[in-house]
């Protein structure tokens, strides 16, 4: 996999993901941000809102008896 270097510009929509695996336990977090913007509108706002609603739906499926494939 080739890594590319890119400069971030004002208004870019960026997804930041971080994962760790320690002693058999896995933790993953992610956050979407728009570079240098206090207020986001239009398609970028719709993309961030869709990601938020998607994770909220997944959270509601996290319960005993549900499988990973059901949640994802």
N, C-alpha and C. Protein backbone atom coordinates (compact mmCIF):
# COMPACT_ATOMS: atom_id res chain seq x y z
N UNK A 1 0.84 -1.17 0.00
CA UNK A 1 0.00 0.00 0.00
C UNK A 1 0.89 1.24 0.00
N UNK A 2 0.69 2.10 -0.95
CA UNK A 2 1.50 3.30 -1.08
C UNK A 2 0.91 4.42 -0.24
N UNK A 3 1.77 5.07 0.53
CA UNK A 3 1.34 6.19 1.35
C UNK A 3 1.55 7.48 0.58
N UNK A 4 0.55 8.35 0.59
CA UNK A 4 0.67 9.63 -0.08
C UNK A 4 0.64 10.75 0.94
N UNK A 5 1.41 11.77 0.69
CA UNK A 5 1.43 12.94 1.55
C UNK A 5 0.58 14.02 0.90
N UNK A 6 -0.32 14.62 1.67
CA UNK A 6 -1.17 15.68 1.15
C UNK A 6 -1.26 16.79 2.17
N UNK A 7 -1.28 18.01 1.68
CA UNK A 7 -1.46 19.16 2.55
C UNK A 7 -2.94 19.36 2.80
N UNK A 8 -3.30 19.60 4.06
CA UNK A 8 -4.68 19.88 4.40
C UNK A 8 -4.96 21.35 4.13
N UNK A 9 -6.17 21.60 3.61
CA UNK A 9 -6.59 22.97 3.30
C UNK A 9 -7.84 23.31 4.10
N UNK A 10 -8.06 24.59 4.31
CA UNK A 10 -9.27 25.06 4.98
C UNK A 10 -10.49 24.46 4.27
N UNK A 11 -11.38 23.86 5.06
CA UNK A 11 -12.60 23.29 4.50
C UNK A 11 -12.51 21.82 4.15
N UNK A 12 -11.31 21.21 4.21
CA UNK A 12 -11.18 19.77 3.93
C UNK A 12 -11.91 18.96 5.00
N UNK A 13 -12.63 17.93 4.58
CA UNK A 13 -13.27 16.99 5.50
C UNK A 13 -12.26 15.87 5.76
N UNK A 14 -11.92 15.65 7.03
CA UNK A 14 -10.87 14.70 7.39
C UNK A 14 -11.43 13.68 8.39
N UNK A 15 -11.10 12.42 8.17
CA UNK A 15 -11.46 11.35 9.10
C UNK A 15 -10.19 10.91 9.81
N UNK A 16 -10.23 10.94 11.14
CA UNK A 16 -9.09 10.53 11.94
C UNK A 16 -9.46 9.23 12.65
N UNK A 17 -8.71 8.17 12.43
CA UNK A 17 -8.94 6.87 13.06
C UNK A 17 -7.72 6.48 13.88
N UNK A 18 -7.99 5.89 15.04
CA UNK A 18 -6.92 5.39 15.89
C UNK A 18 -7.35 4.05 16.46
N UNK A 19 -6.47 3.09 16.39
CA UNK A 19 -6.77 1.78 16.95
C UNK A 19 -5.60 1.28 17.78
N UNK A 20 -5.93 0.52 18.82
CA UNK A 20 -4.89 -0.06 19.68
C UNK A 20 -5.30 -1.47 20.07
N UNK A 21 -4.30 -2.32 20.25
CA UNK A 21 -4.52 -3.70 20.68
C UNK A 21 -3.56 -3.95 21.83
N UNK A 22 -4.12 -4.12 23.05
CA UNK A 22 -3.29 -4.28 24.23
C UNK A 22 -3.79 -5.49 25.02
N UNK A 23 -2.90 -6.45 25.24
CA UNK A 23 -3.22 -7.63 26.04
C UNK A 23 -4.52 -8.32 25.61
N UNK A 24 -4.74 -8.40 24.31
CA UNK A 24 -5.92 -9.10 23.80
C UNK A 24 -7.17 -8.24 23.71
N UNK A 25 -7.10 -6.99 24.11
CA UNK A 25 -8.25 -6.10 24.03
C UNK A 25 -8.02 -5.08 22.93
N UNK A 26 -9.07 -4.82 22.16
CA UNK A 26 -8.98 -3.91 21.03
C UNK A 26 -9.84 -2.68 21.30
N UNK A 27 -9.30 -1.53 20.96
CA UNK A 27 -10.06 -0.28 21.05
C UNK A 27 -9.85 0.50 19.75
N UNK A 28 -10.93 1.01 19.21
CA UNK A 28 -10.86 1.79 17.98
C UNK A 28 -11.74 3.02 18.16
N UNK A 29 -11.21 4.17 17.78
CA UNK A 29 -11.98 5.41 17.82
C UNK A 29 -11.81 6.13 16.50
N UNK A 30 -12.78 6.94 16.15
CA UNK A 30 -12.69 7.72 14.93
C UNK A 30 -13.42 9.03 15.12
N UNK A 31 -12.97 10.04 14.40
CA UNK A 31 -13.60 11.35 14.50
C UNK A 31 -13.48 12.04 13.15
N UNK A 32 -14.55 12.68 12.73
CA UNK A 32 -14.55 13.46 11.49
C UNK A 32 -14.50 14.94 11.83
N UNK A 33 -13.64 15.66 11.15
CA UNK A 33 -13.53 17.10 11.36
C UNK A 33 -13.42 17.81 10.02
N UNK A 34 -13.83 19.06 10.00
CA UNK A 34 -13.63 19.90 8.84
C UNK A 34 -12.56 20.91 9.24
N UNK A 35 -11.48 20.92 8.50
CA UNK A 35 -10.31 21.74 8.84
C UNK A 35 -10.66 23.23 8.84
N UNK A 36 -10.40 23.88 9.99
CA UNK A 36 -10.51 25.33 10.08
C UNK A 36 -11.91 25.91 10.00
N UNK A 37 -12.94 25.09 10.17
CA UNK A 37 -14.32 25.59 10.06
C UNK A 37 -15.02 25.49 11.41
N UNK A 38 -15.67 26.56 11.84
CA UNK A 38 -16.47 26.53 13.06
C UNK A 38 -17.88 26.02 12.77
N UNK A 39 -18.38 26.30 11.58
CA UNK A 39 -19.72 25.87 11.19
C UNK A 39 -19.64 25.20 9.82
N UNK A 40 -20.27 24.05 9.71
CA UNK A 40 -20.21 23.27 8.47
C UNK A 40 -21.61 23.14 7.91
N UNK A 41 -21.76 23.34 6.60
CA UNK A 41 -23.06 23.23 5.94
C UNK A 41 -22.90 22.41 4.67
N UNK A 42 -24.02 22.14 4.03
CA UNK A 42 -23.99 21.46 2.74
C UNK A 42 -23.62 19.99 2.83
N UNK A 43 -22.98 19.50 1.77
CA UNK A 43 -22.66 18.08 1.67
C UNK A 43 -21.71 17.60 2.76
N UNK A 44 -20.79 18.44 3.19
CA UNK A 44 -19.87 18.05 4.25
C UNK A 44 -20.64 17.82 5.55
N UNK A 45 -21.57 18.71 5.85
CA UNK A 45 -22.38 18.55 7.05
C UNK A 45 -23.23 17.28 6.95
N UNK A 46 -23.76 17.00 5.78
CA UNK A 46 -24.56 15.79 5.57
C UNK A 46 -23.71 14.54 5.77
N UNK A 47 -22.46 14.55 5.31
CA UNK A 47 -21.57 13.40 5.47
C UNK A 47 -21.25 13.16 6.94
N UNK A 48 -20.96 14.23 7.69
CA UNK A 48 -20.67 14.09 9.12
C UNK A 48 -21.90 13.60 9.86
N UNK A 49 -23.08 14.12 9.53
CA UNK A 49 -24.31 13.70 10.18
C UNK A 49 -24.63 12.24 9.86
N UNK A 50 -24.40 11.81 8.63
CA UNK A 50 -24.64 10.41 8.26
C UNK A 50 -23.74 9.47 9.05
N UNK A 51 -22.48 9.85 9.23
CA UNK A 51 -21.56 9.03 10.02
C UNK A 51 -22.03 8.96 11.48
N UNK A 52 -22.47 10.08 12.01
CA UNK A 52 -22.97 10.12 13.39
C UNK A 52 -24.20 9.22 13.55
N UNK A 53 -25.14 9.35 12.64
CA UNK A 53 -26.36 8.53 12.73
C UNK A 53 -26.05 7.05 12.56
N UNK A 54 -25.08 6.72 11.71
CA UNK A 54 -24.69 5.33 11.52
C UNK A 54 -24.12 4.71 12.79
N UNK A 55 -23.25 5.45 13.48
CA UNK A 55 -22.67 4.90 14.70
C UNK A 55 -23.71 4.81 15.80
N UNK A 56 -24.65 5.76 15.85
CA UNK A 56 -25.71 5.69 16.85
C UNK A 56 -26.57 4.44 16.63
N UNK A 57 -26.84 4.11 15.37
CA UNK A 57 -27.61 2.89 15.07
C UNK A 57 -26.84 1.65 15.50
N UNK A 58 -25.52 1.65 15.26
CA UNK A 58 -24.69 0.51 15.67
C UNK A 58 -24.67 0.39 17.19
N UNK A 59 -24.57 1.51 17.90
CA UNK A 59 -24.58 1.46 19.37
C UNK A 59 -25.84 0.80 19.90
N UNK A 60 -26.99 1.08 19.27
CA UNK A 60 -28.25 0.51 19.74
C UNK A 60 -28.29 -1.01 19.53
N UNK A 61 -27.47 -1.52 18.62
CA UNK A 61 -27.44 -2.96 18.37
C UNK A 61 -26.45 -3.69 19.28
N UNK A 62 -25.63 -2.95 20.03
CA UNK A 62 -24.67 -3.58 20.93
C UNK A 62 -25.37 -4.06 22.19
N UNK A 63 -25.69 -5.33 22.22
CA UNK A 63 -26.35 -5.91 23.39
C UNK A 63 -26.04 -7.40 23.44
N UNK A 64 -26.18 -7.99 24.60
CA UNK A 64 -25.89 -9.42 24.74
C UNK A 64 -26.69 -10.25 23.74
N UNK A 65 -26.01 -11.21 23.13
CA UNK A 65 -26.66 -12.09 22.17
C UNK A 65 -26.53 -11.66 20.72
N UNK A 66 -26.20 -10.40 20.48
CA UNK A 66 -26.01 -9.93 19.12
C UNK A 66 -24.57 -10.21 18.67
N UNK A 67 -24.41 -10.59 17.43
CA UNK A 67 -23.09 -10.90 16.89
C UNK A 67 -22.45 -9.66 16.27
N UNK A 68 -21.15 -9.73 16.08
CA UNK A 68 -20.43 -8.63 15.44
C UNK A 68 -20.98 -8.38 14.03
N UNK A 69 -21.28 -9.45 13.30
CA UNK A 69 -21.79 -9.26 11.94
C UNK A 69 -23.16 -8.60 11.93
N UNK A 70 -23.97 -8.82 12.95
CA UNK A 70 -25.27 -8.15 13.04
C UNK A 70 -25.07 -6.65 13.23
N UNK A 71 -24.15 -6.29 14.09
CA UNK A 71 -23.91 -4.86 14.37
C UNK A 71 -23.30 -4.17 13.16
N UNK A 72 -22.35 -4.81 12.50
CA UNK A 72 -21.70 -4.16 11.37
C UNK A 72 -22.51 -4.27 10.12
